[in-house]
Amino acid sequence: MDLDALTAARREEWARFDELTRVRRPTGAEVDELVTRYRAASADLAEMKTSAGRTPQGDHVSTLLARARLRLTGAPENVLRQLPRFFSLQLPAALYRLRWTTLAVAVAFVAVASLVAAWIARDPVALASLGSEAQLEYYADEEFAGYYTENPAAVFAGTVWTNNAWIAAQCVLFGISGVWPIMVLVQNAVGVGTAAAVLFAFDAGDVFVLYILPHGLLELTSIFVAGAAGLHIFWAWIAPGPRSRGEALAAAGRSLAAVAVGLVLALLVAGLIEGFVTGQPWPWPVKIGIGALALGGFLLYMLYVGGRAAHAGETGDLTEYETGTARLVAG
């Protein structure tokens, strides 16, 4: 093959091919022509590599082919352009999938916390094991409420947020163990039940309820969702269905990683409420109303927006372009 002769013969065709790869909004006819010229250029490149190896002409055609592939198959979207889809479809759909597991986790959490609180409050020996009467009375009268005001609001909110976000992330990241989310949830339920027991034992149960509700409504719900997400990852490993365990875990991990991101934002809101609202000397209906409003917004997003996204076919996973074409299986 005479490389110079081939180049001279194909120069105009390659120039047209190059022109088509740069058209911003090609018509149907131009797309058809692009595909035709792509095939012709591929044949030219194969012939050049077979006869002459790597050459400047071959590199030029290879560049044209690479640019054409991007036009024909698409290119990854800019991250900023993906954000609207993430928050309007992917994240709410992933949250919606967890709704029943979240409810089950919430019921179990409240049951454990209530049992612990009732046991300790009614058993003098168990109560005494937590500290002396003077220490427990000080905790009920001063320390519990003072916890929310002893530090600057911004510092306190940031500390609470990072701590809770780390707890939620652990539930998701280590969910495959099946044990870690349950352990985290039980530890927190026991902690809440123990605090409630001490305050109710010293006739300060109203203080416990009033100081927990403003931020706890959204904060605890977020922890419930995190535990549910971790358990879903564990279940994807235990019962992958017709997919391999690797494929099931990958799909669950991708969609539930989105949940972790969403929970970080939800816990930020809860942290701001805990830092700037819970300890304020405002009327309790106002403070609890703010917490209820935050929880209502989260549930509306999870159930209504998520339900619409799920019914439209969204699963919370990445798109097929981002993950690759799904492998078909029988059954």
C-alpha atoms as a PDB file:
ATOM      1  CA  MET A   1       0.000   0.000   0.000  1.00  0.00           C
ATOM      2  CA  ASP A   2       1.259   3.474  -0.899  1.00  0.00           C
ATOM      3  CA  LEU A   3       0.591   5.532   2.265  1.00  0.00           C
ATOM      4  CA  ASP A   4       0.980   8.864   0.486  1.00  0.00           C
ATOM      5  CA  ALA A   5      -1.446   7.829  -2.240  1.00  0.00           C
ATOM      6  CA  LEU A   6      -4.010   6.667   0.330  1.00  0.00           C
ATOM      7  CA  THR A   7      -3.645   9.927   2.246  1.00  0.00           C
ATOM      8  CA  ALA A   8      -4.138  11.995  -0.882  1.00  0.00           C
ATOM      9  CA  ALA A   9      -7.172   9.953  -1.897  1.00  0.00           C
ATOM     10  CA  ARG A  10      -8.804  10.102   1.524  1.00  0.00           C
ATOM     11  CA  ARG A  11      -7.857  13.653   2.583  1.00  0.00           C
ATOM     12  CA  GLU A  12     -11.213  15.187   1.652  1.00  0.00           C
ATOM     13  CA  GLU A  13     -13.143  12.306   3.191  1.00  0.00           C
ATOM     14  CA  TRP A  14     -11.199  12.617   6.456  1.00  0.00           C
ATOM     15  CA  ALA A  15     -11.743  16.374   6.441  1.00  0.00           C
ATOM     16  CA  ARG A  16     -15.477  15.833   6.098  1.00  0.00           C
ATOM     17  CA  PHE A  17     -15.330  13.205   8.845  1.00  0.00           C
ATOM     18  CA  ASP A  18     -13.533  15.727  11.055  1.00  0.00           C
ATOM     19  CA  GLU A  19     -16.164  18.350  10.273  1.00  0.00           C
ATOM     20  CA  LEU A  20     -19.002  16.011  11.252  1.00  0.00           C
ATOM     21  CA  THR A  21     -17.404  15.182  14.618  1.00  0.00           C
ATOM     22  CA  ARG A  22     -17.489  18.907  15.497  1.00  0.00           C
ATOM     23  CA  VAL A  23     -21.133  19.589  14.631  1.00  0.00           C
ATOM     24  CA  ARG A  24     -22.876  20.560  17.883  1.00  0.00           C
ATOM     25  CA  ARG A  25     -26.421  19.589  16.903  1.00  0.00           C
ATOM     26  CA  PRO A  26     -26.210  17.122  13.990  1.00  0.00           C
ATOM     27  CA  THR A  27     -29.304  16.304  11.982  1.00  0.00           C
ATOM     28  CA  GLY A  28     -30.424  12.745  11.383  1.00  0.00           C
ATOM     29  CA  ALA A  29     -28.777  12.730   7.972  1.00  0.00           C
ATOM     30  CA  GLU A  30     -25.516  14.012   9.425  1.00  0.00           C
ATOM     31  CA  VAL A  31     -25.537  11.295  12.097  1.00  0.00           C
ATOM     32  CA  ASP A  32     -26.047   8.637   9.414  1.00  0.00           C
ATOM     33  CA  GLU A  33     -23.187  10.127   7.406  1.00  0.00           C
ATOM     34  CA  LEU A  34     -20.997  10.205  10.522  1.00  0.00           C
ATOM     35  CA  VAL A  35     -21.596   6.494  11.118  1.00  0.00           C
ATOM     36  CA  THR A  36     -20.809   5.691   7.469  1.00  0.00           C
ATOM     37  CA  ARG A  37     -17.602   7.710   7.503  1.00  0.00           C
ATOM     38  CA  TYR A  38     -16.675   6.188  10.890  1.00  0.00           C
ATOM     39  CA  ARG A  39     -16.753   2.722   9.329  1.00  0.00           C
ATOM     40  CA  ALA A  40     -14.741   3.876   6.310  1.00  0.00           C
ATOM     41  CA  ALA A  41     -12.129   5.585   8.488  1.00  0.00           C
ATOM     42  CA  SER A  42     -11.866   2.465  10.686  1.00  0.00           C
ATOM     43  CA  ALA A  43     -11.112   0.403   7.567  1.00  0.00           C
ATOM     44  CA  ASP A  44      -8.501   2.965   6.475  1.00  0.00           C
ATOM     45  CA  LEU A  45      -6.835   2.885   9.889  1.00  0.00           C
ATOM     46  CA  ALA A  46      -6.733  -0.921   9.910  1.00  0.00           C
ATOM     47  CA  GLU A  47      -5.146  -0.932   6.475  1.00  0.00           C
ATOM     48  CA  MET A  48      -2.534   1.651   7.458  1.00  0.00           C
ATOM     49  CA  LYS A  49      -1.577  -0.197  10.650  1.00  0.00           C
ATOM     50  CA  THR A  50      -1.348  -3.501   8.840  1.00  0.00           C
ATOM     51  CA  SER A  51       0.850  -2.151   6.049  1.00  0.00           C
ATOM     52  CA  ALA A  52       2.888   0.621   7.670  1.00  0.00           C
ATOM     53  CA  GLY A  53       2.483   0.277  11.434  1.00  0.00           C
ATOM     54  CA  ARG A  54       2.123   3.443  13.443  1.00  0.00           C
ATOM     55  CA  THR A  55       2.263   6.592  11.304  1.00  0.00           C
ATOM     56  CA  PRO A  56       1.297  10.282  11.690  1.00  0.00           C
ATOM     57  CA  GLN A  57      -1.572   9.729   9.262  1.00  0.00           C
ATOM     58  CA  GLY A  58      -2.774   6.781  11.318  1.00  0.00           C
ATOM     59  CA  ASP A  59      -2.607   8.812  14.546  1.00  0.00           C
ATOM     60  CA  HIS A  60      -4.675  11.538  12.904  1.00  0.00           C
ATOM     61  CA  VAL A  61      -7.368   9.094  11.805  1.00  0.00           C
ATOM     62  CA  SER A  62      -7.299   7.438  15.244  1.00  0.00           C
ATOM     63  CA  THR A  63      -7.977  10.824  16.863  1.00  0.00           C
ATOM     64  CA  LEU A  64     -10.894  11.404  14.503  1.00  0.00           C
ATOM     65  CA  LEU A  65     -12.320   8.007  15.385  1.00  0.00           C
ATOM     66  CA  ALA A  66     -12.001   8.645  19.113  1.00  0.00           C
ATOM     67  CA  ARG A  67     -13.816  11.975  18.784  1.00  0.00           C
ATOM     68  CA  ALA A  68     -16.536  10.327  16.702  1.00  0.00           C
ATOM     69  CA  ARG A  69     -17.024   7.596  19.323  1.00  0.00           C
ATOM     70  CA  LEU A  70     -17.675  10.252  21.947  1.00  0.00           C
ATOM     71  CA  ARG A  71     -20.279  11.875  19.715  1.00  0.00           C
ATOM     72  CA  LEU A  72     -21.969   8.577  18.926  1.00  0.00           C
ATOM     73  CA  THR A  73     -21.909   6.967  22.367  1.00  0.00           C
ATOM     74  CA  GLY A  74     -22.029  10.062  24.552  1.00  0.00           C
ATOM     75  CA  ALA A  75     -19.604  11.489  27.081  1.00  0.00           C
ATOM     76  CA  PRO A  76     -19.824  11.550  30.870  1.00  0.00           C
ATOM     77  CA  GLU A  77     -21.839  14.494  32.089  1.00  0.00           C
ATOM     78  CA  ASN A  78     -20.297  17.294  34.069  1.00  0.00           C
ATOM     79  CA  VAL A  79     -20.723  16.647  37.805  1.00  0.00           C
ATOM     80  CA  LEU A  80     -22.634  19.887  38.278  1.00  0.00           C
ATOM     81  CA  ARG A  81     -25.089  18.815  35.577  1.00  0.00           C
ATOM     82  CA  GLN A  82     -25.645  15.505  37.363  1.00  0.00           C
ATOM     83  CA  LEU A  83     -26.649  17.168  40.649  1.00  0.00           C
ATOM     84  CA  PRO A  84     -30.254  17.958  39.648  1.00  0.00           C
ATOM     85  CA  ARG A  85     -30.855  14.347  38.638  1.00  0.00           C
ATOM     86  CA  PHE A  86     -29.166  13.104  41.819  1.00  0.00           C
ATOM     87  CA  PHE A  87     -31.371  15.146  44.149  1.00  0.00           C
ATOM     88  CA  SER A  88     -34.604  14.870  42.167  1.00  0.00           C
ATOM     89  CA  LEU A  89     -34.448  11.193  41.179  1.00  0.00           C
ATOM     90  CA  GLN A  90     -31.539   9.077  42.371  1.00  0.00           C
ATOM     91  CA  LEU A  91     -31.406  10.029  46.062  1.00  0.00           C
ATOM     92  CA  PRO A  92     -35.167  10.123  46.780  1.00  0.00           C
ATOM     93  CA  ALA A  93     -35.687   6.807  44.957  1.00  0.00           C
ATOM     94  CA  ALA A  94     -32.933   5.195  47.034  1.00  0.00           C
ATOM     95  CA  LEU A  95     -34.522   6.551  50.218  1.00  0.00           C
ATOM     96  CA  TYR A  96     -37.963   5.358  49.133  1.00  0.00           C
ATOM     97  CA  ARG A  97     -36.686   1.801  48.775  1.00  0.00           C
ATOM     98  CA  LEU A  98     -35.784   1.862  52.488  1.00  0.00           C
ATOM     99  CA  ARG A  99     -39.145   3.063  53.807  1.00  0.00           C
ATOM    100  CA  TRP A 100     -40.436  -0.196  55.292  1.00  0.00           C
ATOM    101  CA  THR A 101     -37.068  -1.279  56.677  1.00  0.00           C
ATOM    102  CA  THR A 102     -36.683   2.182  58.213  1.00  0.00           C
ATOM    103  CA  LEU A 103     -40.086   1.806  59.896  1.00  0.00           C
ATOM    104  CA  ALA A 104     -39.103  -1.607  61.270  1.00  0.00           C
ATOM    105  CA  VAL A 105     -35.800  -0.231  62.570  1.00  0.00           C
ATOM    106  CA  ALA A 106     -37.603   2.712  64.197  1.00  0.00           C
ATOM    107  CA  VAL A 107     -40.098   0.444  65.966  1.00  0.00           C
ATOM    108  CA  ALA A 108     -37.311  -1.837  67.211  1.00  0.00           C
ATOM    109  CA  PHE A 109     -35.249   1.153  68.392  1.00  0.00           C
ATOM    110  CA  VAL A 110     -38.130   2.660  70.350  1.00  0.00           C
ATOM    111  CA  ALA A 111     -38.949  -0.744  71.841  1.00  0.00           C
ATOM    112  CA  VAL A 112     -35.371  -1.323  73.055  1.00  0.00           C
ATOM    113  CA  ALA A 113     -35.038   2.229  74.407  1.00  0.00           C
ATOM    114  CA  SER A 114     -38.388   1.944  76.219  1.00  0.00           C
ATOM    115  CA  LEU A 115     -37.530  -1.434  77.756  1.00  0.00           C
ATOM    116  CA  VAL A 116     -34.141  -0.166  78.959  1.00  0.00           C
ATOM    117  CA  ALA A 117     -35.704   2.996  80.396  1.00  0.00           C
ATOM    118  CA  ALA A 118     -38.483   1.086  82.190  1.00  0.00           C
ATOM    119  CA  TRP A 119     -36.067  -1.495  83.606  1.00  0.00           C
ATOM    120  CA  ILE A 120     -33.513   0.971  84.965  1.00  0.00           C
ATOM    121  CA  ALA A 121     -36.069   3.461  86.291  1.00  0.00           C
ATOM    122  CA  ARG A 122     -37.885   0.705  88.238  1.00  0.00           C
ATOM    123  CA  ASP A 123     -34.827  -1.187  89.486  1.00  0.00           C
ATOM    124  CA  PRO A 124     -32.956   0.690  92.258  1.00  0.00           C
ATOM    125  CA  VAL A 125     -29.936  -1.577  91.870  1.00  0.00           C
ATOM    126  CA  ALA A 126     -29.651  -0.922  88.135  1.00  0.00           C
ATOM    127  CA  LEU A 127     -30.107   2.805  88.700  1.00  0.00           C
ATOM    128  CA  ALA A 128     -27.502   2.864  91.465  1.00  0.00           C
ATOM    129  CA  SER A 129     -24.975   1.155  89.164  1.00  0.00           C
ATOM    130  CA  LEU A 130     -24.974   4.300  86.998  1.00  0.00           C
ATOM    131  CA  GLY A 131     -23.641   6.509  89.816  1.00  0.00           C
ATOM    132  CA  SER A 132     -24.369   7.922  93.218  1.00  0.00           C
ATOM    133  CA  GLU A 133     -27.717   9.531  93.920  1.00  0.00           C
ATOM    134  CA  ALA A 134     -26.106  12.970  94.028  1.00  0.00           C
ATOM    135  CA  GLN A 135     -24.439  12.430  90.663  1.00  0.00           C
ATOM    136  CA  LEU A 136     -27.624  11.188  89.028  1.00  0.00           C
ATOM    137  CA  GLU A 137     -29.667  14.024  90.507  1.00  0.00           C
ATOM    138  CA  TYR A 138     -27.149  16.561  89.211  1.00  0.00           C
ATOM    139  CA  TYR A 139     -27.320  14.931  85.785  1.00  0.00           C
ATOM    140  CA  ALA A 140     -31.111  15.123  85.767  1.00  0.00           C
ATOM    141  CA  ASP A 141     -31.346  18.685  87.122  1.00  0.00           C
ATOM    142  CA  GLU A 142     -28.379  20.387  85.486  1.00  0.00           C
ATOM    143  CA  GLU A 143     -26.067  18.356  83.267  1.00  0.00           C
ATOM    144  CA  PHE A 144     -28.562  16.967  80.756  1.00  0.00           C
ATOM    145  CA  ALA A 145     -30.007  20.351  79.799  1.00  0.00           C
ATOM    146  CA  GLY A 146     -26.664  22.115  80.205  1.00  0.00           C
ATOM    147  CA  TYR A 147     -25.118  19.858  77.564  1.00  0.00           C
ATOM    148  CA  TYR A 148     -26.973  21.815  74.881  1.00  0.00           C
ATOM    149  CA  THR A 149     -25.702  25.238  75.981  1.00  0.00           C
ATOM    150  CA  GLU A 150     -22.245  24.680  77.485  1.00  0.00           C
ATOM    151  CA  ASN A 151     -20.455  25.268  74.150  1.00  0.00           C
ATOM    152  CA  PRO A 152     -20.872  27.946  71.458  1.00  0.00           C
ATOM    153  CA  ALA A 153     -23.771  27.021  69.191  1.00  0.00           C
ATOM    154  CA  ALA A 154     -21.679  26.802  66.006  1.00  0.00           C
ATOM    155  CA  VAL A 155     -19.025  24.600  67.637  1.00  0.00           C
ATOM    156  CA  PHE A 156     -21.649  22.365  69.229  1.00  0.00           C
ATOM    157  CA  ALA A 157     -23.608  22.018  65.980  1.00  0.00           C
ATOM    158  CA  GLY A 158     -20.449  21.116  64.031  1.00  0.00           C
ATOM    159  CA  THR A 159     -19.369  18.539  66.622  1.00  0.00           C
ATOM    160  CA  VAL A 160     -22.788  16.900  66.752  1.00  0.00           C
ATOM    161  CA  TRP A 161     -23.038  16.853  62.961  1.00  0.00           C
ATOM    162  CA  THR A 162     -19.667  15.197  62.375  1.00  0.00           C
ATOM    163  CA  ASN A 163     -20.304  12.620  65.107  1.00  0.00           C
ATOM    164  CA  ASN A 164     -23.740  11.665  63.792  1.00  0.00           C
ATOM    165  CA  ALA A 165     -22.600  11.706  60.166  1.00  0.00           C
ATOM    166  CA  TRP A 166     -19.797   9.296  61.089  1.00  0.00           C
ATOM    167  CA  ILE A 167     -22.280   6.984  62.844  1.00  0.00           C
ATOM    168  CA  ALA A 168     -24.545   6.997  59.781  1.00  0.00           C
ATOM    169  CA  ALA A 169     -21.614   6.397  57.427  1.00  0.00           C
ATOM    170  CA  GLN A 170     -20.471   3.421  59.526  1.00  0.00           C
ATOM    171  CA  CYS A 171     -23.917   1.842  59.296  1.00  0.00           C
ATOM    172  CA  VAL A 172     -23.774   2.041  55.504  1.00  0.00           C
ATOM    173  CA  LEU A 173     -20.076   1.260  54.962  1.00  0.00           C
ATOM    174  CA  PHE A 174     -19.997  -1.732  57.310  1.00  0.00           C
ATOM    175  CA  GLY A 175     -23.531  -2.872  56.547  1.00  0.00           C
ATOM    176  CA  ILE A 176     -22.251  -5.946  54.727  1.00  0.00           C
ATOM    177  CA  SER A 177     -21.331  -7.421  58.109  1.00  0.00           C
ATOM    178  CA  GLY A 178     -24.989  -7.473  59.135  1.00  0.00           C
ATOM    179  CA  VAL A 179     -23.828  -7.012  62.724  1.00  0.00           C
ATOM    180  CA  TRP A 180     -22.449  -3.483  62.694  1.00  0.00           C
ATOM    181  CA  PRO A 181     -25.695  -1.589  61.926  1.00  0.00           C
ATOM    182  CA  ILE A 182     -27.552  -3.581  64.580  1.00  0.00           C
ATOM    183  CA  MET A 183     -24.781  -2.990  67.121  1.00  0.00           C
ATOM    184  CA  VAL A 184     -24.778   0.775  66.444  1.00  0.00           C
ATOM    185  CA  LEU A 185     -28.567   0.987  66.683  1.00  0.00           C
ATOM    186  CA  VAL A 186     -28.715  -1.042  69.903  1.00  0.00           C
ATOM    187  CA  GLN A 187     -25.936   1.032  71.501  1.00  0.00           C
ATOM    188  CA  ASN A 188     -27.779   4.241  70.691  1.00  0.00           C
ATOM    189  CA  ALA A 189     -31.113   2.837  71.863  1.00  0.00           C
ATOM    190  CA  VAL A 190     -29.551   1.778  75.172  1.00  0.00           C
ATOM    191  CA  GLY A 191     -27.972   5.209  75.552  1.00  0.00           C
ATOM    192  CA  VAL A 192     -31.272   6.993  74.933  1.00  0.00           C
ATOM    193  CA  GLY A 193     -33.115   4.609  77.265  1.00  0.00           C
ATOM    194  CA  THR A 194     -30.545   5.055  80.018  1.00  0.00           C
ATOM    195  CA  ALA A 195     -30.739   8.854  79.853  1.00  0.00           C
ATOM    196  CA  ALA A 196     -34.529   8.685  79.893  1.00  0.00           C
ATOM    197  CA  ALA A 197     -34.480   6.356  82.906  1.00  0.00           C
ATOM    198  CA  VAL A 198     -32.340   8.719  84.970  1.00  0.00           C
ATOM    199  CA  LEU A 199     -34.464  11.764  84.196  1.00  0.00           C
ATOM    200  CA  PHE A 200     -37.783   9.976  84.758  1.00  0.00           C
ATOM    201  CA  ALA A 201     -36.455   8.533  88.035  1.00  0.00           C
ATOM    202  CA  PHE A 202     -35.854  12.091  89.300  1.00  0.00           C
ATOM    203  CA  ASP A 203     -39.170  13.482  87.988  1.00  0.00           C
ATOM    204  CA  ALA A 204     -37.537  15.246  85.050  1.00  0.00           C
ATOM    205  CA  GLY A 205     -39.110  13.206  82.288  1.00  0.00           C
ATOM    206  CA  ASP A 206     -40.580  16.329  80.742  1.00  0.00           C
ATOM    207  CA  VAL A 207     -37.074  17.783  80.422  1.00  0.00           C
ATOM    208  CA  PHE A 208     -35.922  14.675  78.565  1.00  0.00           C
ATOM    209  CA  VAL A 209     -38.819  14.789  76.101  1.00  0.00           C
ATOM    210  CA  LEU A 210     -38.620  18.522  75.490  1.00  0.00           C
ATOM    211  CA  TYR A 211     -34.863  18.555  74.913  1.00  0.00           C
ATOM    212  CA  ILE A 212     -34.821  15.470  72.694  1.00  0.00           C
ATOM    213  CA  LEU A 213     -37.706  16.247  70.349  1.00  0.00           C
ATOM    214  CA  PRO A 214     -36.536  19.442  68.552  1.00  0.00           C
ATOM    215  CA  HIS A 215     -33.480  17.853  66.963  1.00  0.00           C
ATOM    216  CA  GLY A 216     -34.102  14.186  67.739  1.00  0.00           C
ATOM    217  CA  LEU A 217     -37.037  13.819  65.363  1.00  0.00           C
ATOM    218  CA  LEU A 218     -34.823  14.285  62.301  1.00  0.00           C
ATOM    219  CA  GLU A 219     -31.586  13.046  63.847  1.00  0.00           C
ATOM    220  CA  LEU A 220     -32.938   9.689  64.988  1.00  0.00           C
ATOM    221  CA  THR A 221     -34.882   9.206  61.751  1.00  0.00           C
ATOM    222  CA  SER A 222     -31.640   9.707  59.819  1.00  0.00           C
ATOM    223  CA  ILE A 223     -29.920   7.081  61.981  1.00  0.00           C
ATOM    224  CA  PHE A 224     -32.835   4.702  61.367  1.00  0.00           C
ATOM    225  CA  VAL A 225     -32.446   5.202  57.609  1.00  0.00           C
ATOM    226  CA  ALA A 226     -28.691   4.596  57.870  1.00  0.00           C
ATOM    227  CA  GLY A 227     -29.284   1.346  59.747  1.00  0.00           C
ATOM    228  CA  ALA A 228     -31.847   0.277  57.150  1.00  0.00           C
ATOM    229  CA  ALA A 229     -29.385   1.035  54.347  1.00  0.00           C
ATOM    230  CA  GLY A 230     -26.707  -1.087  55.994  1.00  0.00           C
ATOM    231  CA  LEU A 231     -29.106  -3.984  56.421  1.00  0.00           C
ATOM    232  CA  HIS A 232     -30.116  -3.749  52.752  1.00  0.00           C
ATOM    233  CA  ILE A 233     -26.474  -4.103  51.736  1.00  0.00           C
ATOM    234  CA  PHE A 234     -26.185  -7.154  53.986  1.00  0.00           C
ATOM    235  CA  TRP A 235     -29.331  -8.645  52.444  1.00  0.00           C
ATOM    236  CA  ALA A 236     -28.009  -8.054  48.922  1.00  0.00           C
ATOM    237  CA  TRP A 237     -25.043 -10.235  49.886  1.00  0.00           C
ATOM    238  CA  ILE A 238     -27.180 -12.930  51.557  1.00  0.00           C
ATOM    239  CA  ALA A 239     -29.918 -13.087  48.897  1.00  0.00           C
ATOM    240  CA  PRO A 240     -28.593 -11.707  45.596  1.00  0.00           C
ATOM    241  CA  GLY A 241     -31.357 -13.292  43.521  1.00  0.00           C
ATOM    242  CA  PRO A 242     -30.490 -14.164  39.907  1.00  0.00           C
ATOM    243  CA  ARG A 243     -27.443 -11.864  39.966  1.00  0.00           C
ATOM    244  CA  SER A 244     -24.049 -12.800  41.287  1.00  0.00           C
ATOM    245  CA  ARG A 245     -23.226 -11.607  44.804  1.00  0.00           C
ATOM    246  CA  GLY A 246     -20.712  -9.176  43.371  1.00  0.00           C
ATOM    247  CA  GLU A 247     -23.268  -7.609  41.034  1.00  0.00           C
ATOM    248  CA  ALA A 248     -25.923  -7.416  43.754  1.00  0.00           C
ATOM    249  CA  LEU A 249     -23.503  -5.829  46.211  1.00  0.00           C
ATOM    250  CA  ALA A 250     -22.271  -3.356  43.603  1.00  0.00           C
ATOM    251  CA  ALA A 251     -25.811  -2.233  42.749  1.00  0.00           C
ATOM    252  CA  ALA A 252     -26.837  -1.973  46.409  1.00  0.00           C
ATOM    253  CA  GLY A 253     -23.623  -0.201  47.340  1.00  0.00           C
ATOM    254  CA  ARG A 254     -23.976   2.379  44.575  1.00  0.00           C
ATOM    255  CA  SER A 255     -27.563   3.292  45.392  1.00  0.00           C
ATOM    256  CA  LEU A 256     -27.089   3.231  49.159  1.00  0.00           C
ATOM    257  CA  ALA A 257     -23.929   5.321  48.942  1.00  0.00           C
ATOM    258  CA  ALA A 258     -26.266   8.001  47.608  1.00  0.00           C
ATOM    259  CA  VAL A 259     -28.302   7.557  50.803  1.00  0.00           C
ATOM    260  CA  ALA A 260     -25.169   8.200  52.880  1.00  0.00           C
ATOM    261  CA  VAL A 261     -24.630  11.487  51.052  1.00  0.00           C
ATOM    262  CA  GLY A 262     -28.247  12.490  51.643  1.00  0.00           C
ATOM    263  CA  LEU A 263     -28.028  11.598  55.333  1.00  0.00           C
ATOM    264  CA  VAL A 264     -24.962  13.775  55.778  1.00  0.00           C
ATOM    265  CA  LEU A 265     -27.085  16.720  54.607  1.00  0.00           C
ATOM    266  CA  ALA A 266     -30.082  15.710  56.750  1.00  0.00           C
ATOM    267  CA  LEU A 267     -27.852  15.368  59.800  1.00  0.00           C
ATOM    268  CA  LEU A 268     -26.388  18.784  59.068  1.00  0.00           C
ATOM    269  CA  VAL A 269     -29.894  20.214  59.425  1.00  0.00           C
ATOM    270  CA  ALA A 270     -30.414  18.207  62.635  1.00  0.00           C
ATOM    271  CA  GLY A 271     -27.074  19.453  63.970  1.00  0.00           C
ATOM    272  CA  LEU A 272     -28.013  23.063  63.251  1.00  0.00           C
ATOM    273  CA  ILE A 273     -31.309  22.571  65.096  1.00  0.00           C
ATOM    274  CA  GLU A 274     -29.536  20.966  68.050  1.00  0.00           C
ATOM    275  CA  GLY A 275     -26.929  23.717  68.181  1.00  0.00           C
ATOM    276  CA  PHE A 276     -29.072  26.779  67.491  1.00  0.00           C
ATOM    277  CA  VAL A 277     -32.614  25.787  68.548  1.00  0.00           C
ATOM    278  CA  THR A 278     -32.732  23.088  71.258  1.00  0.00           C
ATOM    279  CA  GLY A 279     -30.891  25.102  73.913  1.00  0.00           C
ATOM    280  CA  GLN A 280     -32.581  28.431  73.196  1.00  0.00           C
ATOM    281  CA  PRO A 281     -34.994  29.940  75.758  1.00  0.00           C
ATOM    282  CA  TRP A 282     -37.840  29.911  73.245  1.00  0.00           C
ATOM    283  CA  PRO A 283     -41.344  28.525  73.773  1.00  0.00           C
ATOM    284  CA  TRP A 284     -41.285  24.756  73.495  1.00  0.00           C
ATOM    285  CA  PRO A 285     -44.036  24.650  70.827  1.00  0.00           C
ATOM    286  CA  VAL A 286     -41.783  26.770  68.622  1.00  0.00           C
ATOM    287  CA  LYS A 287     -38.715  24.586  69.126  1.00  0.00           C
ATOM    288  CA  ILE A 288     -40.569  21.316  68.716  1.00  0.00           C
ATOM    289  CA  GLY A 289     -42.435  22.797  65.753  1.00  0.00           C
ATOM    290  CA  ILE A 290     -39.118  23.526  64.025  1.00  0.00           C
ATOM    291  CA  GLY A 291     -38.018  19.923  64.595  1.00  0.00           C
ATOM    292  CA  ALA A 292     -41.345  18.576  63.347  1.00  0.00           C
ATOM    293  CA  LEU A 293     -41.132  20.784  60.267  1.00  0.00           C
ATOM    294  CA  ALA A 294     -37.637  19.446  59.495  1.00  0.00           C
ATOM    295  CA  LEU A 295     -38.827  15.848  59.894  1.00  0.00           C
ATOM    296  CA  GLY A 296     -41.897  16.546  57.776  1.00  0.00           C
ATOM    297  CA  GLY A 297     -39.728  17.923  54.987  1.00  0.00           C
ATOM    298  CA  PHE A 298     -37.494  14.864  55.101  1.00  0.00           C
ATOM    299  CA  LEU A 299     -40.431  12.427  55.025  1.00  0.00           C
ATOM    300  CA  LEU A 300     -42.079  14.359  52.197  1.00  0.00           C
ATOM    301  CA  TYR A 301     -38.858  14.106  50.207  1.00  0.00           C
ATOM    302  CA  MET A 302     -38.400  10.418  51.043  1.00  0.00           C
ATOM    303  CA  LEU A 303     -41.958   9.231  50.505  1.00  0.00           C
ATOM    304  CA  TYR A 304     -43.560  11.613  48.018  1.00  0.00           C
ATOM    305  CA  VAL A 305     -40.631  12.685  45.833  1.00  0.00           C
ATOM    306  CA  GLY A 306     -39.043   9.265  46.225  1.00  0.00           C
ATOM    307  CA  GLY A 307     -42.291   7.506  45.423  1.00  0.00           C
ATOM    308  CA  ARG A 308     -42.734   9.491  42.220  1.00  0.00           C
ATOM    309  CA  ALA A 309     -39.143   8.754  41.178  1.00  0.00           C
ATOM    310  CA  ALA A 310     -39.531   5.031  41.954  1.00  0.00           C
ATOM    311  CA  HIS A 311     -42.823   4.775  40.047  1.00  0.00           C
ATOM    312  CA  ALA A 312     -41.101   6.418  37.077  1.00  0.00           C
ATOM    313  CA  GLY A 313     -38.608   3.524  37.035  1.00  0.00           C
ATOM    314  CA  GLU A 314     -35.789   5.070  39.050  1.00  0.00           C
ATOM    315  CA  THR A 315     -33.942   2.659  41.352  1.00  0.00           C
ATOM    316  CA  GLY A 316     -31.408   4.954  42.983  1.00  0.00           C
ATOM    317  CA  ASP A 317     -28.568   3.283  41.083  1.00  0.00           C
ATOM    318  CA  LEU A 318     -26.404   4.962  38.467  1.00  0.00           C
ATOM    319  CA  THR A 319     -27.553   5.064  34.859  1.00  0.00           C
ATOM    320  CA  GLU A 320     -26.676   2.258  32.463  1.00  0.00           C
ATOM    321  CA  TYR A 321     -24.206   4.556  30.696  1.00  0.00           C
ATOM    322  CA  GLU A 322     -22.348   5.112  33.986  1.00  0.00           C
ATOM    323  CA  THR A 323     -22.365   1.459  35.093  1.00  0.00           C
ATOM    324  CA  GLY A 324     -22.152  -0.332  31.751  1.00  0.00           C
ATOM    325  CA  THR A 325     -24.794  -2.407  30.031  1.00  0.00           C
ATOM    326  CA  ALA A 326     -26.508  -4.813  32.393  1.00  0.00           C
ATOM    327  CA  ARG A 327     -25.739  -8.497  31.903  1.00  0.00           C
ATOM    328  CA  LEU A 328     -28.848 -10.491  31.035  1.00  0.00           C
ATOM    329  CA  VAL A 329     -29.581 -13.567  33.126  1.00  0.00           C
ATOM    330  CA  ALA A 330     -32.179 -16.300  32.881  1.00  0.00           C
ATOM    331  CA  GLY A 331     -34.934 -16.777  35.414  1.00  0.00           C
END
